[in-house]
Amino acid sequence: QVQLVESGGGLVQAGGSLRLSCAASGRTFRRYIMGWFRQAPGKGREFVAAISWSGGTTVYVDSVKGRFTISRDGAKNTVYLQMDSLKPEDAAVYYCAADRESKTYPDRSLNEYDYWGQGTQVTVSS
C-alpha cells in the first residue's frame, strides 16, 4: 500500500509560481510512475504531468508545457510539480497519483493510476 500526501498549494497571483510536493510512503515508491492531475470546479479530473520511475521521461499536457516541471527525489520519496507563469485557468485541486504497473512510458489516463493523494488547492488570482 502506498500513501500519498500533497502539499504546497495556495493562493498566487497570475504570473506567479508555486511548487507542489507529494510525499509517498512505501519502499516501492521508486519503481512507480508518478503523475499529477487536476480538477477544477464543475470539470473532470485531467492529466497534467507524469514522470517515469527513473525520472528520465516526463510528459505534460500541452497547456502546461514550458511552464510546469515535474521531478522526483527517490531519496526523499517525493515528487514535485514546479508551476511557473501561472494562469487563472490553472486554478484547481491538484492530485498526486502513483501507477504501480511496470511501464517504460508514463500513462496519461487517470484510470491507470492506483494510488491517489487527497489533493491540494491551487488558486490563481487575475
Protein backbone atom coordinates (compact mmCIF):
# COMPACT_ATOMS: atom_id res chain seq x y z
CA GLN A 1 0.00 0.00 0.00
CA VAL A 2 1.22 3.49 -0.85
CA GLN A 3 0.06 6.66 0.81
CA LEU A 4 0.47 9.99 -0.94
CA VAL A 5 0.30 13.37 0.76
CA GLU A 6 0.35 16.58 -1.27
CA SER A 7 1.37 19.99 -0.03
CA GLY A 8 2.37 23.38 -1.38
CA GLY A 9 -0.90 24.65 -2.74
CA GLY A 10 -2.16 28.14 -2.05
CA LEU A 11 -3.17 31.48 -3.49
CA VAL A 12 -0.93 33.14 -6.04
CA GLN A 13 -1.28 35.99 -8.50
CA ALA A 14 -1.29 35.31 -12.21
CA GLY A 15 2.28 35.07 -13.43
CA GLY A 16 3.48 33.75 -10.10
CA SER A 17 4.89 30.39 -9.09
CA LEU A 18 4.15 27.53 -6.74
CA ARG A 19 5.87 24.25 -6.06
CA LEU A 20 3.72 21.29 -5.13
CA SER A 21 5.16 18.34 -3.27
CA CYS A 22 3.87 14.81 -2.94
CA ALA A 23 5.39 12.70 -0.19
CA ALA A 24 4.98 8.97 -0.64
CA SER A 25 5.21 6.15 1.85
CA GLY A 26 6.27 2.65 0.93
CA ARG A 27 9.51 1.05 -0.17
CA THR A 28 8.38 0.52 -3.75
CA PHE A 29 7.85 4.20 -4.49
CA ARG A 30 10.99 4.31 -6.58
CA ARG A 31 9.51 1.83 -9.05
CA TYR A 32 6.30 3.71 -9.62
CA ILE A 33 5.42 6.12 -12.34
CA MET A 34 4.14 9.27 -10.68
CA GLY A 35 1.62 11.71 -12.05
CA TRP A 36 -0.10 14.97 -11.29
CA PHE A 37 -3.72 15.58 -12.16
CA ARG A 38 -6.04 18.49 -11.50
CA GLN A 39 -9.73 19.10 -11.18
CA ALA A 40 -11.39 22.49 -11.48
CA PRO A 41 -14.92 23.12 -10.16
CA GLY A 42 -17.52 21.55 -12.42
CA LYS A 43 -14.93 19.79 -14.55
CA GLY A 44 -13.48 16.32 -14.74
CA ARG A 45 -10.09 15.36 -13.44
CA GLU A 46 -7.45 15.93 -16.07
CA PHE A 47 -3.88 14.85 -16.60
CA VAL A 48 -1.18 17.46 -16.00
CA ALA A 49 2.20 15.72 -15.93
CA ALA A 50 3.88 12.41 -15.22
CA ILE A 51 7.37 11.09 -14.68
CA SER A 52 8.91 7.68 -15.15
CA TRP A 53 10.34 5.72 -12.24
CA SER A 54 13.87 6.73 -13.25
CA GLY A 55 12.98 10.35 -13.79
CA GLY A 56 14.31 10.13 -17.31
CA THR A 57 10.98 10.51 -19.06
CA THR A 58 8.45 13.23 -18.44
CA VAL A 59 5.19 14.01 -20.19
CA TYR A 60 2.95 17.06 -19.97
CA VAL A 61 -0.41 18.20 -21.14
CA ASP A 62 0.08 20.80 -23.87
CA SER A 63 -1.41 23.62 -21.82
CA VAL A 64 1.39 23.48 -19.22
CA LYS A 65 4.40 22.69 -21.41
CA GLY A 66 7.17 25.18 -20.83
CA ARG A 67 5.59 26.41 -17.59
CA PHE A 68 5.40 23.33 -15.33
CA THR A 69 8.17 20.92 -14.44
CA ILE A 70 7.73 17.54 -12.79
CA SER A 71 10.61 15.95 -10.92
CA ARG A 72 11.23 13.33 -8.28
CA ASP A 73 13.66 12.66 -5.46
CA GLY A 74 13.97 8.97 -4.72
CA ALA A 75 15.92 9.53 -1.55
CA LYS A 76 13.09 11.63 -0.15
CA ASN A 77 10.25 9.57 -1.68
CA THR A 78 8.88 12.81 -3.04
CA VAL A 79 7.65 14.05 -6.40
CA TYR A 80 7.39 17.73 -7.21
CA LEU A 81 5.48 19.93 -9.59
CA GLN A 82 7.09 23.30 -10.15
CA MET A 83 4.49 25.64 -11.60
CA ASP A 84 5.64 28.91 -13.14
CA SER A 85 3.81 31.62 -15.07
CA LEU A 86 0.56 30.53 -13.51
CA LYS A 87 -2.69 31.47 -15.20
CA PRO A 88 -6.20 31.75 -13.76
CA GLU A 89 -7.14 28.65 -15.76
CA ASP A 90 -4.57 26.64 -13.79
CA ALA A 91 -6.68 27.02 -10.66
CA ALA A 92 -7.84 23.61 -9.45
CA VAL A 93 -7.35 20.94 -6.87
CA TYR A 94 -4.12 19.16 -7.76
CA TYR A 95 -3.75 15.46 -7.08
CA CYS A 96 -0.69 13.29 -6.95
CA ALA A 97 -1.04 9.71 -8.19
CA ALA A 98 1.07 6.57 -8.46
CA ASP A 99 0.98 3.88 -11.14
CA ARG A 100 2.32 0.62 -9.71
CA GLU A 101 2.45 -1.21 -13.02
CA SER A 102 5.87 -1.60 -14.58
CA LYS A 103 5.92 0.64 -17.62
CA THR A 104 8.63 2.33 -19.58
CA TYR A 105 6.48 5.31 -20.52
CA PRO A 106 4.17 7.29 -18.21
CA ASP A 107 0.47 6.96 -18.85
CA ARG A 108 -1.84 9.97 -19.18
CA SER A 109 -5.03 8.14 -18.27
CA LEU A 110 -6.20 8.55 -14.69
CA ASN A 111 -7.62 5.04 -14.84
CA GLU A 112 -4.08 3.68 -14.96
CA TYR A 113 -3.14 5.14 -11.58
CA ASP A 114 -3.65 3.04 -8.49
CA TYR A 115 -2.98 5.36 -5.59
CA TRP A 116 -4.12 8.94 -5.05
CA GLY A 117 -3.47 11.71 -2.61
CA GLN A 118 -6.14 13.87 -1.03
CA GLY A 119 -5.37 16.88 -3.20
CA THR A 120 -4.10 20.40 -2.64
CA GLN A 121 -5.89 23.57 -3.72
CA VAL A 122 -4.25 25.99 -6.12
CA THR A 123 -5.94 29.36 -6.59
CA VAL A 124 -4.69 31.88 -9.14
CA SER A 125 -5.97 35.44 -8.98
CA SER A 126 -6.08 37.58 -12.10
